N, C-alpha and C. Protein backbone atom coordinates (compact mmCIF):
# COMPACT_ATOMS: atom_id res chain seq x y z
N MET A 1 6.99 -9.69 -16.99
CA MET A 1 7.71 -10.50 -16.31
C MET A 1 7.00 -11.85 -16.00
N ASN A 2 7.76 -12.86 -16.00
CA ASN A 2 7.39 -14.20 -15.94
C ASN A 2 6.48 -14.73 -14.69
N ASP A 3 5.95 -15.84 -14.33
CA ASP A 3 5.71 -16.12 -13.11
C ASP A 3 6.79 -16.56 -12.27
N LYS A 4 8.08 -17.09 -12.71
CA LYS A 4 9.05 -17.68 -12.13
C LYS A 4 9.90 -16.44 -11.51
N LYS A 5 10.13 -15.10 -12.09
CA LYS A 5 10.51 -14.30 -11.73
C LYS A 5 9.91 -13.38 -10.55
N LEU A 6 8.29 -13.18 -10.98
CA LEU A 6 7.50 -13.08 -9.55
C LEU A 6 7.64 -13.80 -8.33
N VAL A 7 7.54 -14.97 -8.44
CA VAL A 7 7.83 -15.65 -7.40
C VAL A 7 9.22 -15.56 -6.45
N ASP A 8 10.23 -15.59 -7.61
CA ASP A 8 11.64 -15.08 -7.01
C ASP A 8 11.68 -13.72 -6.10
N LEU A 9 10.78 -12.53 -6.83
CA LEU A 9 10.73 -11.39 -5.92
C LEU A 9 10.05 -11.74 -4.76
N LYS A 10 8.80 -12.24 -4.98
CA LYS A 10 8.04 -12.44 -3.43
C LYS A 10 9.02 -12.92 -2.37
N ASN A 11 9.63 -14.10 -3.00
CA ASN A 11 10.49 -15.07 -1.90
C ASN A 11 11.53 -14.11 -1.43
N LYS A 12 11.96 -13.27 -2.09
CA LYS A 12 13.07 -12.40 -1.39
C LYS A 12 12.45 -11.59 -0.52
N LEU A 13 11.45 -10.89 -0.72
CA LEU A 13 10.86 -10.05 0.14
C LEU A 13 10.34 -10.68 1.15
N TYR A 14 9.62 -11.79 1.37
CA TYR A 14 9.28 -12.74 2.33
C TYR A 14 10.37 -12.93 3.38
N LEU A 15 11.62 -12.98 3.01
CA LEU A 15 12.63 -13.26 3.49
C LEU A 15 12.99 -11.94 4.16
N LEU A 16 13.27 -10.99 3.62
CA LEU A 16 13.94 -9.52 4.33
C LEU A 16 12.39 -9.09 5.37
N LEU A 17 11.34 -9.51 4.88
CA LEU A 17 10.11 -9.17 6.07
C LEU A 17 10.15 -9.92 7.40
N GLU A 18 10.26 -11.30 7.10
CA GLU A 18 10.83 -12.14 8.41
C GLU A 18 11.99 -12.03 9.03
N LYS A 19 13.19 -11.26 8.36
CA LYS A 19 14.28 -11.15 9.23
C LYS A 19 14.13 -10.12 9.86
N ASP A 20 13.53 -8.98 8.97
CA ASP A 20 13.70 -7.37 9.59
C ASP A 20 12.53 -6.73 10.40
N ALA A 21 11.58 -6.82 9.27
CA ALA A 21 10.57 -6.17 9.77
C ALA A 21 9.28 -7.06 11.02
N LEU A 22 9.62 -8.45 10.96
CA LEU A 22 8.63 -8.87 12.03
C LEU A 22 9.37 -8.83 13.48
N LYS A 23 8.24 -8.41 14.83
CA LYS A 23 9.04 -8.41 15.61
C LYS A 23 7.66 -8.84 16.89
N LYS A 24 8.52 -9.74 17.56
CA LYS A 24 7.56 -10.17 18.23
C LYS A 24 7.61 -9.53 19.75
N GLY A 25 6.46 -9.52 20.53
CA GLY A 25 6.70 -9.25 22.06
C GLY A 25 5.34 -8.72 22.12
N ASP A 26 4.92 -7.15 23.12
CA ASP A 26 3.55 -6.79 23.27
C ASP A 26 3.38 -5.50 22.62
N PHE A 27 2.70 -5.13 21.78
CA PHE A 27 2.47 -3.91 21.02
C PHE A 27 0.98 -3.70 20.72
N THR A 28 0.74 -2.33 21.00
CA THR A 28 -0.35 -1.66 20.45
C THR A 28 -0.52 -1.14 18.95
N LEU A 29 -1.49 -1.67 18.01
CA LEU A 29 -1.67 -0.98 17.03
C LEU A 29 -2.16 0.13 16.70
N SER A 30 -2.21 0.97 15.50
CA SER A 30 -2.52 2.14 15.50
C SER A 30 -4.07 1.81 15.56
N SER A 31 -4.67 0.45 15.55
CA SER A 31 -6.13 0.42 15.80
C SER A 31 -6.61 0.41 17.11
N GLY A 32 -5.54 0.68 18.00
CA GLY A 32 -5.75 0.53 19.29
C GLY A 32 -5.83 -1.25 19.64
N LYS A 33 -5.72 -2.22 18.96
CA LYS A 33 -5.82 -3.57 19.53
C LYS A 33 -4.51 -3.95 19.80
N LYS A 34 -4.35 -5.02 20.66
CA LYS A 34 -3.37 -5.55 21.37
C LYS A 34 -2.92 -6.18 20.51
N SER A 35 -1.47 -6.94 20.30
CA SER A 35 -1.05 -7.91 19.57
C SER A 35 0.35 -8.44 19.93
N THR A 36 0.92 -10.05 19.98
CA THR A 36 1.76 -10.39 20.29
C THR A 36 2.95 -10.42 18.86
N TYR A 37 2.78 -9.48 18.15
CA TYR A 37 3.43 -9.19 16.89
C TYR A 37 3.45 -8.01 16.38
N TYR A 38 4.65 -7.30 15.52
CA TYR A 38 4.35 -6.17 15.09
C TYR A 38 5.23 -6.22 13.76
N LEU A 39 4.33 -5.94 12.45
CA LEU A 39 4.87 -6.09 11.15
C LEU A 39 5.33 -4.78 10.75
N ASP A 40 6.78 -3.99 10.86
CA ASP A 40 6.86 -2.70 10.45
C ASP A 40 7.30 -2.63 8.96
N GLY A 41 6.65 -2.49 8.00
CA GLY A 41 7.02 -2.65 6.97
C GLY A 41 7.82 -1.83 6.11
N ARG A 42 7.89 -0.29 6.99
CA ARG A 42 8.93 0.69 6.56
C ARG A 42 10.18 0.34 6.80
N ILE A 43 10.31 -0.81 7.57
CA ILE A 43 11.76 -1.21 7.67
C ILE A 43 12.48 -1.58 6.36
N ILE A 44 11.15 -2.30 5.42
CA ILE A 44 11.62 -3.08 4.22
C ILE A 44 11.54 -1.79 3.41
N THR A 45 10.43 -1.05 3.04
CA THR A 45 10.23 -0.52 1.87
C THR A 45 11.10 0.91 1.90
N LEU A 46 11.73 1.22 3.22
CA LEU A 46 12.89 2.25 3.28
C LEU A 46 14.42 1.75 2.97
N THR A 47 14.48 0.59 2.24
CA THR A 47 15.55 0.37 2.12
C THR A 47 15.83 0.16 0.74
N PRO A 48 16.67 0.12 -0.09
CA PRO A 48 16.86 -0.12 -1.76
C PRO A 48 16.67 -1.41 -2.01
N GLU A 49 16.86 -2.41 -1.48
CA GLU A 49 16.61 -3.88 -1.81
C GLU A 49 14.73 -3.95 -1.37
N GLY A 50 14.63 -3.37 -0.45
CA GLY A 50 12.97 -3.48 -0.21
C GLY A 50 11.94 -2.91 -1.01
N ALA A 51 12.60 -1.52 -1.32
CA ALA A 51 11.65 -0.61 -2.03
C ALA A 51 11.57 -1.04 -3.68
N TYR A 52 12.77 -1.68 -4.20
CA TYR A 52 12.62 -2.37 -5.47
C TYR A 52 11.49 -3.51 -5.39
N LEU A 53 11.82 -4.28 -4.42
CA LEU A 53 11.37 -5.70 -4.43
C LEU A 53 9.70 -5.41 -4.54
N VAL A 54 9.23 -4.39 -3.68
CA VAL A 54 7.66 -4.06 -3.53
C VAL A 54 7.11 -3.35 -4.54
N ALA A 55 8.12 -2.51 -5.09
CA ALA A 55 7.63 -1.49 -6.33
C ALA A 55 7.32 -2.79 -7.30
N MET A 56 8.47 -3.37 -7.94
CA MET A 56 8.41 -4.53 -8.92
C MET A 56 6.95 -5.21 -8.76
N ILE A 57 7.20 -6.01 -7.60
CA ILE A 57 5.47 -6.75 -7.42
C ILE A 57 4.14 -5.93 -7.73
N ILE A 58 4.45 -5.22 -7.03
CA ILE A 58 3.23 -4.10 -7.02
C ILE A 58 3.04 -3.98 -8.57
N LEU A 59 3.89 -3.04 -9.57
CA LEU A 59 3.77 -3.16 -10.63
C LEU A 59 3.13 -4.26 -11.53
N GLU A 60 3.59 -5.33 -11.18
CA GLU A 60 3.43 -6.53 -11.68
C GLU A 60 1.88 -6.99 -11.73
N MET A 61 1.27 -6.78 -10.17
CA MET A 61 -0.02 -6.91 -9.66
C MET A 61 -1.03 -6.40 -10.33
N ILE A 62 -0.59 -4.79 -10.72
CA ILE A 62 -1.73 -4.09 -11.25
C ILE A 62 -1.33 -3.76 -12.84
N LYS A 63 -0.71 -4.54 -13.33
CA LYS A 63 -0.42 -4.66 -15.08
C LYS A 63 -2.02 -5.03 -15.57
N GLY A 64 -1.98 -4.16 -16.62
CA GLY A 64 -3.43 -4.05 -17.49
C GLY A 64 -4.86 -3.80 -16.53
N ARG A 65 -4.66 -3.20 -15.34
CA ARG A 65 -5.95 -2.42 -14.78
C ARG A 65 -6.09 -1.36 -15.13
N ASP A 66 -5.69 -0.47 -16.08
CA ASP A 66 -6.36 0.60 -16.67
C ASP A 66 -6.60 1.62 -15.33
N LEU A 67 -5.22 2.02 -14.29
CA LEU A 67 -5.20 2.88 -13.14
C LEU A 67 -4.48 4.12 -13.84
N ALA A 68 -5.15 5.34 -13.17
CA ALA A 68 -4.45 6.66 -13.51
C ALA A 68 -3.34 6.91 -12.23
N ALA A 69 -3.54 6.50 -11.27
CA ALA A 69 -2.45 6.59 -10.35
C ALA A 69 -2.76 5.33 -9.43
N VAL A 70 -1.12 5.24 -8.46
CA VAL A 70 -1.21 4.33 -7.00
C VAL A 70 -0.80 5.45 -6.00
N GLY A 71 -1.43 4.74 -5.14
CA GLY A 71 -1.07 6.19 -3.77
C GLY A 71 -1.58 5.37 -2.62
N GLY A 72 -1.71 6.42 -1.35
CA GLY A 72 -2.11 5.64 -0.10
C GLY A 72 -2.02 6.53 1.14
N PRO A 73 -2.50 6.17 2.09
CA PRO A 73 -2.24 7.02 3.20
C PRO A 73 -0.56 7.09 4.01
N THR A 74 -0.42 8.26 4.25
CA THR A 74 0.89 8.81 4.62
C THR A 74 0.62 8.09 6.15
N LEU A 75 1.64 7.28 6.43
CA LEU A 75 3.38 7.46 6.35
C LEU A 75 3.62 5.81 5.59
N GLY A 76 2.54 4.81 5.78
CA GLY A 76 2.87 3.82 5.20
C GLY A 76 3.25 3.98 3.94
N ALA A 77 2.60 4.31 2.65
CA ALA A 77 2.47 4.23 1.60
C ALA A 77 3.66 5.36 0.81
N ASP A 78 4.28 6.19 1.73
CA ASP A 78 4.97 6.93 1.08
C ASP A 78 6.25 6.65 0.22
N PRO A 79 7.18 5.56 1.18
CA PRO A 79 7.87 4.98 0.33
C PRO A 79 7.62 4.08 -0.47
N ILE A 80 6.46 3.33 -0.59
CA ILE A 80 6.10 2.41 -1.53
C ILE A 80 5.77 3.38 -2.86
N VAL A 81 4.88 4.44 -2.90
CA VAL A 81 4.29 5.16 -4.15
C VAL A 81 5.64 5.55 -4.70
N GLY A 82 6.91 6.42 -3.73
CA GLY A 82 8.18 6.91 -4.19
C GLY A 82 8.89 5.83 -5.40
N ALA A 83 8.82 4.33 -4.82
CA ALA A 83 9.54 3.48 -5.29
C ALA A 83 8.55 3.13 -6.80
N VAL A 84 7.45 3.12 -6.80
CA VAL A 84 6.77 2.74 -7.96
C VAL A 84 6.51 3.61 -8.80
N ALA A 85 6.76 4.83 -8.40
CA ALA A 85 7.14 6.03 -9.29
C ALA A 85 7.96 5.83 -10.02
N ALA A 86 9.48 5.46 -9.48
CA ALA A 86 10.85 5.49 -9.92
C ALA A 86 10.65 4.50 -10.98
N LEU A 87 10.25 3.40 -10.45
CA LEU A 87 10.53 1.90 -11.07
C LEU A 87 9.28 1.87 -12.35
N SER A 88 8.28 2.55 -12.10
CA SER A 88 7.20 2.84 -13.35
C SER A 88 7.94 3.44 -14.61
N HIS A 89 8.67 4.53 -14.05
CA HIS A 89 9.24 5.16 -15.24
C HIS A 89 10.59 4.61 -16.17
N ILE A 90 11.19 3.83 -15.20
CA ILE A 90 12.20 3.00 -15.80
C ILE A 90 12.00 1.89 -16.64
N GLU A 91 10.47 1.23 -16.03
CA GLU A 91 9.45 0.06 -16.86
C GLU A 91 8.70 0.50 -17.78
N LYS A 92 8.58 1.97 -18.11
CA LYS A 92 8.05 2.59 -19.21
C LYS A 92 6.65 2.52 -19.29
N ALA A 93 6.22 2.37 -17.75
CA ALA A 93 4.72 2.28 -17.50
C ALA A 93 4.42 3.73 -17.04
N GLY A 94 5.41 4.25 -16.50
CA GLY A 94 4.93 5.94 -16.33
C GLY A 94 3.48 6.04 -15.37
N ILE A 95 3.55 5.74 -14.29
CA ILE A 95 1.94 5.59 -13.53
C ILE A 95 2.29 6.78 -12.78
N LYS A 96 1.13 7.36 -12.56
CA LYS A 96 1.36 8.52 -11.45
C LYS A 96 1.17 7.84 -9.96
N THR A 97 1.71 8.86 -9.04
CA THR A 97 1.82 8.50 -7.62
C THR A 97 1.14 9.61 -6.87
N PHE A 98 0.54 9.28 -5.94
CA PHE A 98 -0.04 10.56 -5.32
C PHE A 98 0.06 9.74 -3.18
N ILE A 99 -0.08 10.73 -2.60
CA ILE A 99 -0.02 10.30 -1.00
C ILE A 99 -1.60 11.15 -0.60
N VAL A 100 -1.92 10.54 0.38
CA VAL A 100 -3.33 11.29 0.83
C VAL A 100 -2.95 11.43 2.62
N ARG A 101 -2.86 12.73 2.77
CA ARG A 101 -2.37 13.35 4.21
C ARG A 101 -3.81 13.25 5.24
N LYS A 102 -3.35 12.96 6.23
CA LYS A 102 -4.32 12.32 7.13
C LYS A 102 -5.56 13.61 7.34
N ASN A 103 -5.06 14.87 7.15
CA ASN A 103 -5.97 16.05 7.24
C ASN A 103 -5.82 17.03 5.79
N VAL A 104 -6.49 18.04 5.47
CA VAL A 104 -5.96 18.90 4.77
C VAL A 104 -5.27 19.90 5.32
N LYS A 105 -3.63 20.39 4.77
CA LYS A 105 -2.61 21.06 4.86
C LYS A 105 -3.79 22.61 5.43
N ASP A 106 -3.19 23.25 6.25
CA ASP A 106 -3.81 24.64 6.33
C ASP A 106 -2.76 25.57 5.92
N HIS A 107 -1.89 25.47 5.08
CA HIS A 107 -1.26 26.48 4.03
C HIS A 107 -0.71 25.74 3.04
N GLY A 108 0.11 26.84 1.99
CA GLY A 108 0.21 26.29 0.98
C GLY A 108 -1.06 26.08 0.09
N ALA A 109 -1.13 25.07 -0.61
CA ALA A 109 -2.19 24.50 -1.69
C ALA A 109 -3.58 24.08 -0.69
N LYS A 110 -3.41 23.99 0.45
CA LYS A 110 -4.29 23.56 1.58
C LYS A 110 -4.98 22.16 0.85
N ARG A 111 -3.88 21.16 0.31
CA ARG A 111 -4.54 19.86 0.08
C ARG A 111 -4.50 18.62 0.68
N GLN A 112 -5.10 17.93 0.56
CA GLN A 112 -5.37 16.51 1.21
C GLN A 112 -4.41 15.62 0.42
N ILE A 113 -4.63 15.53 -0.88
CA ILE A 113 -3.95 14.55 -1.71
C ILE A 113 -2.77 15.49 -2.24
N GLU A 114 -1.78 14.78 -2.11
CA GLU A 114 -0.54 15.07 -2.84
C GLU A 114 -0.25 14.56 -4.20
N GLY A 115 0.34 15.09 -4.93
CA GLY A 115 1.10 14.58 -6.02
C GLY A 115 0.68 15.41 -7.27
N PRO A 116 0.83 14.38 -8.54
CA PRO A 116 0.21 15.10 -9.99
C PRO A 116 -1.20 15.04 -9.85
N PRO A 117 -1.62 16.21 -10.59
CA PRO A 117 -3.54 16.51 -10.65
C PRO A 117 -4.05 15.20 -11.19
N LEU A 118 -4.80 14.36 -10.41
CA LEU A 118 -5.84 13.47 -11.02
C LEU A 118 -7.31 14.18 -11.10
N LYS A 119 -7.98 13.63 -12.32
CA LYS A 119 -8.99 13.81 -12.97
C LYS A 119 -10.35 13.00 -12.25
N LYS A 120 -11.25 13.81 -12.22
CA LYS A 120 -12.34 13.15 -11.76
C LYS A 120 -13.05 12.05 -12.52
N GLY A 121 -13.43 10.79 -11.93
CA GLY A 121 -13.57 9.46 -12.51
C GLY A 121 -12.42 8.88 -12.49
N GLU A 122 -11.53 9.29 -12.48
CA GLU A 122 -10.03 8.31 -12.86
C GLU A 122 -10.12 7.11 -11.83
N ARG A 123 -9.51 6.07 -12.24
CA ARG A 123 -9.54 4.93 -11.27
C ARG A 123 -7.90 4.68 -10.76
N VAL A 124 -8.21 4.91 -9.45
CA VAL A 124 -6.75 4.89 -8.89
C VAL A 124 -6.55 3.55 -7.84
N ILE A 125 -5.53 3.16 -7.10
CA ILE A 125 -5.34 1.85 -6.51
C ILE A 125 -5.06 2.34 -5.04
N LEU A 126 -5.37 1.89 -4.24
CA LEU A 126 -4.58 2.61 -2.81
C LEU A 126 -3.46 1.46 -2.50
N VAL A 127 -2.22 1.79 -2.00
CA VAL A 127 -1.39 0.93 -1.23
C VAL A 127 -0.72 1.28 -0.14
N ASP A 128 -0.94 0.30 0.74
CA ASP A 128 -0.39 0.72 2.30
C ASP A 128 0.95 -0.51 2.70
N ASP A 129 1.33 -0.46 3.71
CA ASP A 129 2.22 -1.45 4.21
C ASP A 129 1.70 -3.05 4.60
N VAL A 130 0.99 -2.28 5.82
CA VAL A 130 0.29 -3.56 6.39
C VAL A 130 -1.33 -3.27 6.28
N ALA A 131 -1.85 -3.84 6.48
CA ALA A 131 -3.57 -3.54 6.95
C ALA A 131 -3.96 -4.59 7.97
N THR A 132 -4.77 -3.84 8.94
CA THR A 132 -5.40 -4.57 10.33
C THR A 132 -6.55 -4.37 10.04
N THR A 133 -6.95 -3.13 10.43
CA THR A 133 -8.43 -3.29 10.25
C THR A 133 -9.21 -2.33 8.76
N GLY A 134 -7.92 -1.87 8.33
CA GLY A 134 -8.25 -1.15 6.98
C GLY A 134 -8.72 0.37 7.38
N LYS A 135 -8.62 0.79 8.32
CA LYS A 135 -9.12 2.28 8.78
C LYS A 135 -8.37 3.11 7.89
N ALA A 136 -7.04 3.44 7.72
CA ALA A 136 -6.41 4.14 7.20
C ALA A 136 -6.52 4.21 5.49
N LEU A 137 -7.18 3.01 5.26
CA LEU A 137 -6.89 3.03 3.56
C LEU A 137 -8.61 3.48 3.61
N ILE A 138 -9.64 3.16 4.16
CA ILE A 138 -10.80 3.62 4.57
C ILE A 138 -11.15 5.22 3.87
N GLU A 139 -10.31 5.78 5.07
CA GLU A 139 -10.36 7.28 5.30
C GLU A 139 -9.27 7.66 3.87
N ALA A 140 -8.35 7.09 3.32
CA ALA A 140 -7.93 7.61 2.34
C ALA A 140 -8.97 7.80 0.99
N LYS A 141 -9.50 6.46 0.94
CA LYS A 141 -10.78 6.15 0.01
C LYS A 141 -12.00 7.30 0.28
N ASP A 142 -12.14 7.65 1.09
CA ASP A 142 -13.11 9.17 1.94
C ASP A 142 -12.58 10.35 0.77
N ALA A 143 -10.87 10.28 1.56
CA ALA A 143 -10.39 11.63 0.59
C ALA A 143 -10.32 11.65 -0.82
N LEU A 144 -10.31 10.29 -1.43
CA LEU A 144 -10.41 10.52 -3.01
C LEU A 144 -12.00 10.28 -3.50
N ASP A 145 -12.64 10.24 -2.71
CA ASP A 145 -14.23 10.08 -3.27
C ASP A 145 -14.68 11.61 -3.15
N SER A 146 -14.03 12.00 -2.23
CA SER A 146 -14.21 13.83 -2.31
C SER A 146 -13.75 14.22 -3.43
N GLU A 147 -12.68 13.92 -3.77
CA GLU A 147 -12.19 14.56 -5.19
C GLU A 147 -13.07 14.08 -6.65
N GLY A 148 -13.74 13.13 -6.16
CA GLY A 148 -14.58 12.08 -7.60
C GLY A 148 -13.26 11.22 -8.27
N LEU A 149 -12.69 10.67 -7.59
CA LEU A 149 -12.06 9.64 -7.67
C LEU A 149 -12.12 8.24 -7.78
N ARG A 150 -12.04 7.12 -8.12
CA ARG A 150 -13.03 5.80 -8.15
C ARG A 150 -11.75 4.82 -7.68
N VAL A 151 -12.01 4.39 -6.76
CA VAL A 151 -10.93 3.31 -5.94
C VAL A 151 -11.94 2.39 -5.99
N GLU A 152 -10.89 1.26 -6.27
CA GLU A 152 -12.21 -0.02 -6.08
C GLU A 152 -11.05 -1.24 -5.75
N TYR A 153 -9.60 -1.16 -5.49
CA TYR A 153 -8.81 -1.92 -5.07
C TYR A 153 -7.65 -1.36 -3.96
N ALA A 154 -7.58 -1.87 -2.95
CA ALA A 154 -6.36 -1.56 -2.34
C ALA A 154 -5.27 -2.81 -2.26
N LEU A 155 -3.77 -2.59 -2.35
CA LEU A 155 -2.93 -3.69 -2.35
C LEU A 155 -1.96 -3.54 -1.19
N VAL A 156 -2.20 -4.45 -0.32
CA VAL A 156 -0.85 -4.23 0.77
C VAL A 156 0.14 -5.37 0.87
N ILE A 157 1.40 -4.88 1.31
CA ILE A 157 2.00 -5.81 1.50
C ILE A 157 1.91 -7.02 2.55
N VAL A 158 1.11 -6.71 3.64
CA VAL A 158 0.78 -8.20 4.54
C VAL A 158 -0.48 -7.31 5.07
N ASP A 159 -1.44 -8.66 4.87
CA ASP A 159 -2.71 -8.52 5.60
C ASP A 159 -2.81 -9.34 6.98
N ARG A 160 -2.95 -8.50 7.72
CA ARG A 160 -3.01 -9.38 9.19
C ARG A 160 -4.33 -10.00 9.40
N GLN A 161 -5.34 -9.96 8.56
CA GLN A 161 -6.45 -10.66 8.58
C GLN A 161 -7.01 -10.50 9.91
N GLU A 162 -7.20 -9.46 10.17
CA GLU A 162 -7.76 -9.05 11.55
C GLU A 162 -9.11 -8.24 10.90
N GLY A 163 -9.67 -8.11 9.91
CA GLY A 163 -11.13 -7.44 9.39
C GLY A 163 -11.09 -6.69 8.57
N ALA A 164 -9.53 -6.23 7.85
CA ALA A 164 -9.32 -5.12 6.84
C ALA A 164 -10.13 -5.75 5.52
N VAL A 165 -10.29 -6.97 5.17
CA VAL A 165 -10.87 -7.65 4.25
C VAL A 165 -12.42 -6.99 4.00
N GLU A 166 -13.29 -7.30 5.37
CA GLU A 166 -14.52 -7.23 5.38
C GLU A 166 -14.48 -5.76 5.30
N ASN A 167 -14.10 -5.41 6.27
CA ASN A 167 -14.33 -3.61 6.35
C ASN A 167 -13.97 -2.89 4.91
N LEU A 168 -13.29 -3.21 4.45
CA LEU A 168 -12.67 -2.57 3.07
C LEU A 168 -14.01 -3.01 2.12
N ALA A 169 -14.49 -4.06 2.25
CA ALA A 169 -15.23 -4.46 1.32
C ALA A 169 -16.78 -3.69 1.46
N ARG A 170 -17.21 -3.58 2.68
CA ARG A 170 -18.36 -2.61 3.17
C ARG A 170 -18.02 -1.63 2.40
N ALA A 171 -17.09 -0.76 2.40
CA ALA A 171 -16.68 0.34 1.76
C ALA A 171 -16.47 0.20 -0.01
N GLY A 172 -16.88 -0.82 -0.25
CA GLY A 172 -16.29 -1.03 -1.49
C GLY A 172 -15.25 -1.14 -2.46
N ILE A 173 -14.12 -1.65 -1.59
CA ILE A 173 -12.83 -2.16 -1.92
C ILE A 173 -12.53 -3.28 -1.95
N ARG A 174 -11.89 -3.82 -3.01
CA ARG A 174 -11.48 -5.44 -2.74
C ARG A 174 -9.86 -5.22 -2.33
N LEU A 175 -9.62 -5.83 -1.00
CA LEU A 175 -8.17 -5.80 -0.57
C LEU A 175 -7.46 -7.01 -1.10
N GLU A 176 -6.44 -6.59 -1.81
CA GLU A 176 -5.55 -7.68 -2.16
C GLU A 176 -4.30 -7.31 -1.43
N SER A 177 -3.13 -9.01 -1.30
CA SER A 177 -2.11 -8.62 -0.23
C SER A 177 -1.07 -9.36 -1.06
N ILE A 178 0.10 -8.70 -0.82
CA ILE A 178 1.23 -10.02 -1.35
C ILE A 178 1.51 -11.06 -0.40
N PHE A 179 1.28 -10.98 0.74
CA PHE A 179 1.37 -11.99 1.72
C PHE A 179 0.06 -11.51 2.85
N THR A 180 -0.13 -12.72 3.53
CA THR A 180 -1.11 -12.50 4.90
C THR A 180 -0.38 -12.93 5.84
N ILE A 181 -0.62 -12.83 6.98
CA ILE A 181 0.02 -13.16 8.06
C ILE A 181 0.22 -14.52 8.56
N LYS A 182 -0.71 -15.30 7.66
CA LYS A 182 -0.55 -16.65 7.76
C LYS A 182 0.82 -17.22 7.13
N ASP A 183 0.93 -16.39 6.03
CA ASP A 183 2.31 -17.06 5.29
C ASP A 183 3.72 -16.88 6.69
N PHE A 184 3.39 -16.49 7.75
CA PHE A 184 4.37 -16.17 8.34
C PHE A 184 4.02 -16.71 9.55
N ASN A 185 3.21 -18.09 9.61
CA ASN A 185 2.65 -18.66 10.58
C ASN A 185 2.70 -18.28 12.26
N LEU A 186 1.89 -16.87 11.80
CA LEU A 186 1.25 -16.14 12.76
C LEU A 186 -0.03 -16.42 12.90
């Protein structure tokens, strides 16, 4: 993909986020922090156009990284990894995906990491819609660490710039984002 096409995809995604996902008001975030705005990425990632745009951008951003799989914490990562899996097949990249549950299931296979089997030592990248403090991504990394998987990167649609970069760095993860909240003039 050329740079012009990637910029075009990002511009389209930005407009969708700004129009449909960004809400202003009084909100309590999952971190417990209060905020005057809320960005709900699932509003976008659960639409055909938004899922396509996010997945194409992510596939381009991870190209050449020698990754075994893309996944992340439920619920924000769920639609993203589904779209990445489908588009990676179409694009002949064939990357596996996974979802990390908050807790181990108490029935069935009793797994915390859902998806095709991954081997110890394989490199994976975490994705999510929004990062505030990075807590969900760190918890997902801990689950992956316990399975012997290597997490070096996390990629989110929007970094709220409220400590996620620093917290993830302390956990050994480099955070990348398609956008930061400053891109939305907040």
